[in-house]
Structure formats: structure tokens, C-alpha cells
C-alpha atoms as a PDB file:
ATOM      1  CA  MET A   1     246.226 -19.968 -57.047  1.00  0.00           C
ATOM      2  CA  ILE A   2     242.608 -20.623 -57.919  1.00  0.00           C
ATOM      3  CA  ASN A   3     239.916 -22.896 -56.502  1.00  0.00           C
ATOM      4  CA  ALA A   4     239.012 -25.660 -59.002  1.00  0.00           C
ATOM      5  CA  ASN A   5     235.432 -25.954 -57.685  1.00  0.00           C
ATOM      6  CA  LYS A   6     234.682 -22.225 -57.960  1.00  0.00           C
ATOM      7  CA  GLU A   7     236.300 -21.987 -61.392  1.00  0.00           C
ATOM      8  CA  LEU A   8     234.222 -24.842 -62.841  1.00  0.00           C
ATOM      9  CA  GLN A   9     230.980 -23.694 -61.207  1.00  0.00           C
ATOM     10  CA  ARG A  10     231.497 -20.127 -62.472  1.00  0.00           C
ATOM     11  CA  ARG A  11     231.913 -21.434 -66.053  1.00  0.00           C
ATOM     12  CA  LEU A  12     228.902 -23.778 -65.793  1.00  0.00           C
ATOM     13  CA  LEU A  13     226.781 -20.917 -64.438  1.00  0.00           C
ATOM     14  CA  GLU A  14     227.804 -18.665 -67.360  1.00  0.00           C
ATOM     15  CA  ILE A  15     226.784 -21.258 -69.949  1.00  0.00           C
ATOM     16  CA  TYR A  16     223.907 -23.226 -68.411  1.00  0.00           C
ATOM     17  CA  GLY A  17     222.447 -20.814 -65.847  1.00  0.00           C
ATOM     18  CA  ASN A  18     221.342 -21.442 -62.272  1.00  0.00           C
ATOM     19  CA  ASN A  19     220.179 -25.024 -62.920  1.00  0.00           C
ATOM     20  CA  PHE A  20     223.548 -26.264 -64.189  1.00  0.00           C
ATOM     21  CA  VAL A  21     223.799 -28.912 -61.456  1.00  0.00           C
ATOM     22  CA  SER A  22     220.793 -30.783 -62.829  1.00  0.00           C
ATOM     23  CA  GLU A  23     222.248 -30.606 -66.365  1.00  0.00           C
ATOM     24  CA  ILE A  24     225.490 -32.487 -65.598  1.00  0.00           C
ATOM     25  CA  LEU A  25     225.487 -36.031 -66.962  1.00  0.00           C
ATOM     26  CA  ALA A  26     229.022 -37.240 -66.155  1.00  0.00           C
ATOM     27  CA  ALA A  27     232.492 -35.901 -65.467  1.00  0.00           C
ATOM     28  CA  GLU A  28     236.100 -36.944 -65.252  1.00  0.00           C
ATOM     29  CA  ILE A  29     238.733 -34.583 -63.928  1.00  0.00           C
ATOM     30  CA  ILE A  30     242.384 -35.265 -63.292  1.00  0.00           C
ATOM     31  CA  TYR A  31     244.473 -32.949 -61.167  1.00  0.00           C
ATOM     32  CA  GLY A  32     248.209 -33.213 -61.299  1.00  0.00           C
ATOM     33  CA  ASP A  33     251.300 -32.346 -63.243  1.00  0.00           C
ATOM     34  CA  LYS A  34     251.619 -34.618 -66.298  1.00  0.00           C
ATOM     35  CA  ASP A  35     255.367 -34.183 -65.922  1.00  0.00           C
ATOM     36  CA  TYR A  36     255.056 -35.113 -62.232  1.00  0.00           C
ATOM     37  CA  ASP A  37     258.324 -36.202 -60.667  1.00  0.00           C
ATOM     38  CA  GLU A  38     257.748 -38.859 -57.994  1.00  0.00           C
ATOM     39  CA  ASP A  39     260.643 -37.405 -55.988  1.00  0.00           C
ATOM     40  CA  ASN A  40     258.823 -34.051 -55.868  1.00  0.00           C
ATOM     41  CA  ASP A  41     256.117 -34.092 -53.189  1.00  0.00           C
ATOM     42  CA  GLU A  42     254.895 -30.608 -54.085  1.00  0.00           C
ATOM     43  CA  PHE A  43     251.862 -31.774 -56.101  1.00  0.00           C
ATOM     44  CA  GLU A  44     249.426 -34.572 -55.407  1.00  0.00           C
ATOM     45  CA  SER A  45     247.823 -36.307 -58.368  1.00  0.00           C
ATOM     46  CA  LYS A  46     244.055 -36.835 -58.080  1.00  0.00           C
ATOM     47  CA  HIS A  47     241.586 -38.587 -60.355  1.00  0.00           C
ATOM     48  CA  ILE A  48     238.047 -37.329 -59.643  1.00  0.00           C
ATOM     49  CA  ASN A  49     235.115 -39.022 -61.391  1.00  0.00           C
ATOM     50  CA  LEU A  50     231.407 -38.433 -61.537  1.00  0.00           C
ATOM     51  CA  PRO A  51     229.944 -41.581 -63.108  1.00  0.00           C
ATOM     52  CA  VAL A  52     227.217 -41.207 -65.692  1.00  0.00           C
ATOM     53  CA  VAL A  53     224.165 -40.038 -63.803  1.00  0.00           C
ATOM     54  CA  SER A  54     221.306 -42.477 -64.145  1.00  0.00           C
ATOM     55  CA  GLU A  55     217.652 -42.119 -63.305  1.00  0.00           C
ATOM     56  CA  PRO A  56     216.529 -41.432 -60.697  1.00  0.00           C
ATOM     57  CA  TYR A  57     218.865 -38.467 -60.827  1.00  0.00           C
ATOM     58  CA  SER A  58     220.943 -37.887 -57.683  1.00  0.00           C
ATOM     59  CA  LEU A  59     221.801 -34.262 -56.988  1.00  0.00           C
ATOM     60  CA  GLU A  60     223.797 -35.461 -53.977  1.00  0.00           C
ATOM     61  CA  GLN A  61     226.136 -37.301 -56.350  1.00  0.00           C
ATOM     62  CA  VAL A  62     226.802 -34.115 -58.343  1.00  0.00           C
ATOM     63  CA  HIS A  63     227.296 -32.044 -55.190  1.00  0.00           C
ATOM     64  CA  TYR A  64     229.732 -34.644 -53.843  1.00  0.00           C
ATOM     65  CA  PHE A  65     231.680 -34.433 -57.117  1.00  0.00           C
ATOM     66  CA  LEU A  66     231.767 -30.621 -57.015  1.00  0.00           C
ATOM     67  CA  ASP A  67     232.819 -30.657 -53.350  1.00  0.00           C
ATOM     68  CA  SER A  68     235.704 -32.987 -54.249  1.00  0.00           C
ATOM     69  CA  LEU A  69     237.045 -30.172 -56.455  1.00  0.00           C
ATOM     70  CA  ASP A  70     237.349 -27.819 -53.483  1.00  0.00           C
ATOM     71  CA  PHE A  71     241.116 -27.342 -53.674  1.00  0.00           C
ATOM     72  CA  GLU A  72     243.504 -24.657 -54.841  1.00  0.00           C
ATOM     73  CA  TYR A  73     245.864 -25.180 -57.752  1.00  0.00           C
ATOM     74  CA  PRO A  74     248.446 -22.941 -59.463  1.00  0.00           C
ATOM     75  CA  ASN A  75     246.811 -21.186 -62.399  1.00  0.00           C
ATOM     76  CA  GLY A  76     249.635 -18.909 -63.428  1.00  0.00           C
ATOM     77  CA  TYR A  77     252.214 -19.348 -66.146  1.00  0.00           C
ATOM     78  CA  GLY A  78     253.708 -22.819 -66.208  1.00  0.00           C
ATOM     79  CA  LEU A  79     252.390 -26.334 -66.574  1.00  0.00           C
ATOM     80  CA  GLN A  80     248.795 -27.498 -66.957  1.00  0.00           C
ATOM     81  CA  TYR A  81     247.443 -29.007 -63.743  1.00  0.00           C
ATOM     82  CA  LEU A  82     243.755 -29.678 -64.391  1.00  0.00           C
ATOM     83  CA  TYR A  83     242.533 -32.002 -67.175  1.00  0.00           C
ATOM     84  CA  GLY A  84     239.091 -33.328 -67.890  1.00  0.00           C
ATOM     85  CA  THR A  85     235.661 -33.356 -69.424  1.00  0.00           C
ATOM     86  CA  VAL A  86     232.205 -32.585 -68.050  1.00  0.00           C
ATOM     87  CA  TRP A  87     229.369 -34.055 -70.152  1.00  0.00           C
ATOM     88  CA  MET A  88     226.002 -32.311 -70.137  1.00  0.00           C
ATOM     89  CA  LYS A  89     222.526 -33.748 -70.728  1.00  0.00           C
ATOM     90  CA  ASP A  90     221.963 -31.570 -73.822  1.00  0.00           C
ATOM     91  CA  GLY A  91     224.857 -33.264 -75.650  1.00  0.00           C
ATOM     92  CA  SER A  92     227.359 -30.456 -75.092  1.00  0.00           C
ATOM     93  CA  TRP A  93     230.462 -30.808 -72.943  1.00  0.00           C
ATOM     94  CA  LEU A  94     233.112 -28.748 -71.209  1.00  0.00           C
ATOM     95  CA  GLU A  95     236.670 -29.641 -72.061  1.00  0.00           C
ATOM     96  CA  ARG A  96     239.827 -28.466 -70.351  1.00  0.00           C
ATOM     97  CA  LYS A  97     242.209 -26.526 -72.600  1.00  0.00           C
ATOM     98  CA  GLU A  98     245.663 -25.051 -72.099  1.00  0.00           C
ATOM     99  CA  TYR A  99     247.881 -22.708 -74.037  1.00  0.00           C
ATOM    100  CA  ASP A 100     251.243 -21.337 -72.972  1.00  0.00           C
ATOM    101  CA  GLY A 101     250.601 -22.092 -69.309  1.00  0.00           C
ATOM    102  CA  SER A 102     247.052 -20.682 -69.126  1.00  0.00           C
ATOM    103  CA  GLU A 103     244.143 -23.064 -68.470  1.00  0.00           C
ATOM    104  CA  TRP A 104     240.384 -22.722 -68.993  1.00  0.00           C
ATOM    105  CA  TRP A 105     237.140 -24.625 -69.643  1.00  0.00           C
ATOM    106  CA  VAL A 106     235.820 -24.606 -73.237  1.00  0.00           C
ATOM    107  CA  CYS A 107     232.199 -25.457 -74.016  1.00  0.00           C
ATOM    108  CA  LYS A 108     231.857 -27.728 -77.060  1.00  0.00           C
ATOM    109  CA  LYS A 109     228.654 -28.452 -78.951  1.00  0.00           C
ATOM    110  CA  THR A 110     228.022 -30.742 -81.881  1.00  0.00           C
ATOM    111  CA  PRO A 111     227.777 -28.456 -84.904  1.00  0.00           C
ATOM    112  CA  LYS A 112     224.570 -28.304 -86.883  1.00  0.00           C
ATOM    113  CA  ILE A 113     224.731 -30.227 -90.155  1.00  0.00           C
ATOM    114  CA  PRO A 114     224.635 -27.753 -93.053  1.00  0.00           C
ATOM    115  CA  GLU A 115     221.518 -27.917 -95.240  1.00  0.00           C
ATOM    116  CA  HIS A 116     223.549 -28.591 -98.403  1.00  0.00           C
ATOM    117  CA  LEU A 117     224.607 -31.986 -97.005  1.00  0.00           C
ATOM    118  CA  PHE A 118     221.041 -33.292 -96.920  1.00  0.00           C
ATOM    119  CA  LYS A 119     219.707 -35.158 -99.961  1.00  0.00           C
ATOM    120  CA  LYS A 120     217.020 -33.393-101.928  1.00  0.00           C
END
């Protein structure tokens, strides 16, 4: 089991440093088993949103979002349980990925356009 809040904050801290909270623009995270069986009460499905942050910027809104992720979920081999995207003000984003039962956050950035594609 792993805490979703601590996992996301650890990854944001690695990439964006101590001021990552003020860099978050929007987020959408879904917790639950995509193959969820309604007869199985073991997992609760949650849809957690952080609307696009508008000016004036509200740090309370981001903290409320992060606090809503304060739950444990199974992170071992098996199904994916956490899905989502966190958009950052610099145009990059974190995207949830899964392979063979392992889950993690991947940072994506728009690639630089190669020089040879510009007209001369």
C-alpha cells in the first residue's frame, strides 16, 4: 500500500522543487479499479478534480486537492488503481502510467521543434 498524496508530492518535488504547489494549474485524478465489480465493495471509486486555477491564485484550492489524495491504495502487482493528469503552469504535465501492474507518474513536456523544420 502507498499513500497517493505522498507519492504525487514526492514526484512533483523531484521535478519542480519546493515551490511545486504554486506551479500546479489543474488536475484530474480518478481512483478506482477500471474493472470494478459493483458486487465487490473492496474498492471505492473516486473522481478528484482540481479545476483550472485562475487568478488570483488560490493556494488553499491546491492544498485542498492534495489533501483529498490522502488515502492508501494497493501499489503492488495487479490492476491499475490511480489514473489522471496534473497540468503545470510551464506547459508540462504529469500523466499516470502503468505497466504490468506497476504504476507511476511520468512528466511530459512539449518537445522543442527541430531547427530543420523552420523555413530559411
